[in-house]
Amino acid sequence: MMTERLGVSRATYLRLEKGDSTVGIGVPAMALFALGLGAPFVDLADAGRDEQGLLLDAERLPQRVRVKRKPRAT
């Protein structure tokens, strides 16, 4: 049943249970979500908590914005 919820084969699930380091990071993450323990991964993916990323985004903002004016009708 757990293998179906994770979408992996039984062999991969058994390797996960044994702690095999060759199992991809997505499998343990999905296992934690399936067990209701996925909150730490949600915090990792929260862009609002990435202070460095927010600072980099703020640096990319234009310093001065010019408004396009409509040409005058003469």
N, C-alpha and C. Protein backbone atom coordinates (compact mmCIF):
# COMPACT_ATOMS: atom_id res chain seq x y z
N MET A 1 0.82 -1.18 0.00
CA MET A 1 0.00 0.00 0.00
C MET A 1 0.87 1.26 0.00
N MET A 2 1.91 1.28 0.80
CA MET A 2 2.78 2.46 0.84
C MET A 2 3.50 2.65 -0.49
N THR A 3 3.86 1.58 -1.16
CA THR A 3 4.53 1.72 -2.45
C THR A 3 3.61 2.38 -3.47
N GLU A 4 2.31 2.09 -3.40
CA GLU A 4 1.35 2.72 -4.30
C GLU A 4 1.22 4.20 -4.01
N ARG A 5 1.20 4.55 -2.74
CA ARG A 5 1.09 5.96 -2.36
C ARG A 5 2.32 6.76 -2.77
N LEU A 6 3.48 6.10 -2.75
CA LEU A 6 4.72 6.78 -3.12
C LEU A 6 4.96 6.73 -4.62
N GLY A 7 4.35 5.77 -5.29
CA GLY A 7 4.56 5.62 -6.72
C GLY A 7 5.91 5.01 -7.05
N VAL A 8 6.40 4.11 -6.19
CA VAL A 8 7.69 3.46 -6.42
C VAL A 8 7.50 1.95 -6.37
N SER A 9 8.53 1.25 -6.83
CA SER A 9 8.48 -0.21 -6.79
C SER A 9 8.74 -0.70 -5.36
N ARG A 10 8.43 -1.97 -5.15
CA ARG A 10 8.65 -2.56 -3.82
C ARG A 10 10.15 -2.58 -3.49
N ALA A 11 10.98 -2.83 -4.51
CA ALA A 11 12.43 -2.86 -4.29
C ALA A 11 12.95 -1.49 -3.84
N THR A 12 12.44 -0.43 -4.46
CA THR A 12 12.85 0.91 -4.08
C THR A 12 12.39 1.23 -2.67
N TYR A 13 11.18 0.81 -2.32
CA TYR A 13 10.67 1.05 -0.98
C TYR A 13 11.51 0.31 0.07
N LEU A 14 11.90 -0.91 -0.24
CA LEU A 14 12.73 -1.67 0.69
C LEU A 14 14.10 -1.01 0.85
N ARG A 15 14.65 -0.48 -0.25
CA ARG A 15 15.92 0.24 -0.14
C ARG A 15 15.77 1.49 0.71
N LEU A 16 14.63 2.15 0.60
CA LEU A 16 14.35 3.32 1.42
C LEU A 16 14.31 2.94 2.90
N GLU A 17 13.63 1.86 3.22
CA GLU A 17 13.54 1.42 4.61
C GLU A 17 14.89 1.05 5.19
N LYS A 18 15.77 0.51 4.35
CA LYS A 18 17.11 0.12 4.82
C LYS A 18 18.05 1.31 4.94
N GLY A 19 17.65 2.45 4.39
CA GLY A 19 18.49 3.64 4.46
C GLY A 19 19.52 3.71 3.36
N ASP A 20 19.25 3.05 2.26
CA ASP A 20 20.17 3.05 1.12
C ASP A 20 20.33 4.47 0.59
N SER A 21 21.58 4.93 0.47
CA SER A 21 21.84 6.30 0.03
C SER A 21 21.64 6.51 -1.46
N THR A 22 21.43 5.43 -2.22
CA THR A 22 21.23 5.58 -3.66
C THR A 22 19.78 5.89 -4.02
N VAL A 23 18.90 5.88 -3.05
CA VAL A 23 17.49 6.24 -3.29
C VAL A 23 17.42 7.75 -3.51
N GLY A 24 16.73 8.17 -4.55
CA GLY A 24 16.60 9.59 -4.86
C GLY A 24 15.93 10.36 -3.74
N ILE A 25 16.23 11.64 -3.64
CA ILE A 25 15.71 12.47 -2.54
C ILE A 25 14.19 12.61 -2.61
N GLY A 26 13.61 12.42 -3.77
CA GLY A 26 12.16 12.54 -3.88
C GLY A 26 11.40 11.45 -3.18
N VAL A 27 12.00 10.26 -3.09
CA VAL A 27 11.31 9.13 -2.46
C VAL A 27 11.14 9.37 -0.95
N PRO A 28 12.19 9.71 -0.20
CA PRO A 28 11.98 10.00 1.22
C PRO A 28 11.06 11.21 1.44
N ALA A 29 11.14 12.19 0.54
CA ALA A 29 10.27 13.36 0.67
C ALA A 29 8.81 12.95 0.51
N MET A 30 8.53 12.13 -0.50
CA MET A 30 7.16 11.65 -0.70
C MET A 30 6.70 10.80 0.47
N ALA A 31 7.62 10.01 1.04
CA ALA A 31 7.27 9.18 2.20
C ALA A 31 6.89 10.06 3.38
N LEU A 32 7.63 11.13 3.59
CA LEU A 32 7.30 12.04 4.69
C LEU A 32 5.94 12.69 4.47
N PHE A 33 5.66 13.12 3.23
CA PHE A 33 4.36 13.70 2.94
C PHE A 33 3.24 12.69 3.14
N ALA A 34 3.48 11.44 2.73
CA ALA A 34 2.46 10.40 2.87
C ALA A 34 2.17 10.11 4.35
N LEU A 35 3.18 10.28 5.18
CA LEU A 35 3.01 10.03 6.61
C LEU A 35 2.55 11.28 7.37
N GLY A 36 2.39 12.38 6.66
CA GLY A 36 1.94 13.61 7.31
C GLY A 36 3.06 14.38 7.98
N LEU A 37 4.30 14.11 7.60
CA LEU A 37 5.45 14.76 8.22
C LEU A 37 6.22 15.63 7.22
N GLY A 38 5.57 16.16 6.23
CA GLY A 38 6.23 16.89 5.17
C GLY A 38 6.41 18.37 5.41
N ALA A 39 6.08 18.87 6.60
CA ALA A 39 6.18 20.30 6.88
C ALA A 39 7.59 20.87 6.67
N PRO A 40 8.67 20.17 7.03
CA PRO A 40 9.99 20.75 6.79
C PRO A 40 10.26 21.01 5.31
N PHE A 41 9.75 20.18 4.42
CA PHE A 41 9.96 20.38 3.00
C PHE A 41 9.13 21.56 2.49
N VAL A 42 8.00 21.79 3.08
CA VAL A 42 7.18 22.94 2.70
C VAL A 42 7.93 24.22 3.04
N ASP A 43 8.57 24.25 4.22
CA ASP A 43 9.33 25.43 4.61
C ASP A 43 10.53 25.65 3.70
N LEU A 44 11.15 24.58 3.22
CA LEU A 44 12.29 24.72 2.31
C LEU A 44 11.87 25.34 0.99
N ALA A 45 10.69 25.04 0.54
CA ALA A 45 10.22 25.51 -0.76
C ALA A 45 9.50 26.86 -0.69
N ASP A 46 9.38 27.44 0.49
CA ASP A 46 8.67 28.70 0.65
C ASP A 46 9.55 29.86 0.22
N ALA A 47 9.21 30.49 -0.89
CA ALA A 47 10.02 31.59 -1.41
C ALA A 47 10.03 32.80 -0.47
N GLY A 48 9.00 32.96 0.32
CA GLY A 48 8.93 34.08 1.26
C GLY A 48 9.92 33.99 2.39
N ARG A 49 10.49 32.81 2.62
CA ARG A 49 11.47 32.62 3.69
C ARG A 49 12.91 32.67 3.18
N ASP A 50 13.08 32.80 1.89
CA ASP A 50 14.41 32.83 1.29
C ASP A 50 14.92 34.26 1.29
N GLU A 51 15.60 34.65 2.37
CA GLU A 51 16.04 36.03 2.51
C GLU A 51 17.04 36.42 1.43
N GLN A 52 17.98 35.54 1.12
CA GLN A 52 18.98 35.84 0.09
C GLN A 52 18.32 36.01 -1.27
N GLY A 53 17.39 35.15 -1.59
CA GLY A 53 16.68 35.26 -2.86
C GLY A 53 15.86 36.53 -2.95
N LEU A 54 15.23 36.92 -1.84
CA LEU A 54 14.46 38.16 -1.84
C LEU A 54 15.35 39.37 -2.03
N LEU A 55 16.55 39.34 -1.42
CA LEU A 55 17.49 40.45 -1.61
C LEU A 55 17.96 40.53 -3.06
N LEU A 56 18.24 39.38 -3.67
CA LEU A 56 18.66 39.37 -5.07
C LEU A 56 17.55 39.89 -5.98
N ASP A 57 16.31 39.53 -5.69
CA ASP A 57 15.19 40.04 -6.48
C ASP A 57 15.06 41.55 -6.33
N ALA A 58 15.26 42.05 -5.12
CA ALA A 58 15.15 43.49 -4.89
C ALA A 58 16.24 44.25 -5.64
N GLU A 59 17.44 43.65 -5.75
CA GLU A 59 18.53 44.30 -6.48
C GLU A 59 18.24 44.37 -7.98
N ARG A 60 17.46 43.45 -8.51
CA ARG A 60 17.16 43.43 -9.93
C ARG A 60 16.07 44.41 -10.33
N LEU A 61 15.37 44.97 -9.36
CA LEU A 61 14.31 45.92 -9.68
C LEU A 61 14.90 47.18 -10.28
N PRO A 62 14.22 47.78 -11.23
CA PRO A 62 14.74 49.03 -11.81
C PRO A 62 14.77 50.13 -10.76
N GLN A 63 15.80 50.95 -10.83
CA GLN A 63 15.95 52.04 -9.86
C GLN A 63 14.98 53.18 -10.16
N ARG A 64 14.70 53.37 -11.44
CA ARG A 64 13.83 54.46 -11.82
C ARG A 64 12.91 53.98 -12.93
N VAL A 65 11.67 54.27 -12.79
CA VAL A 65 10.70 53.84 -13.79
C VAL A 65 10.18 55.08 -14.50
N ARG A 66 10.24 55.06 -15.83
CA ARG A 66 9.72 56.18 -16.61
C ARG A 66 8.37 55.79 -17.20
N VAL A 67 7.45 56.69 -17.07
CA VAL A 67 6.12 56.47 -17.61
C VAL A 67 6.09 56.95 -19.05
N LYS A 68 5.60 56.11 -19.95
CA LYS A 68 5.50 56.51 -21.35
C LYS A 68 4.38 57.54 -21.48
N ARG A 69 4.71 58.61 -22.17
CA ARG A 69 3.71 59.65 -22.39
C ARG A 69 3.12 59.51 -23.78
N LYS A 70 1.86 59.83 -23.85
CA LYS A 70 1.18 59.79 -25.15
C LYS A 70 1.62 61.02 -25.94
N PRO A 71 1.87 60.84 -27.24
CA PRO A 71 2.26 62.01 -28.04
C PRO A 71 1.11 63.01 -28.10
N ARG A 72 1.49 64.27 -28.10
CA ARG A 72 0.47 65.32 -28.15
C ARG A 72 -0.09 65.45 -29.56
N ALA A 73 -1.37 65.62 -29.62
CA ALA A 73 -2.02 65.84 -30.91
C ALA A 73 -1.84 67.28 -31.31
N THR A 74 -1.33 67.54 -32.49
CA THR A 74 -1.13 68.94 -32.92
C THR A 74 -1.97 69.28 -34.10
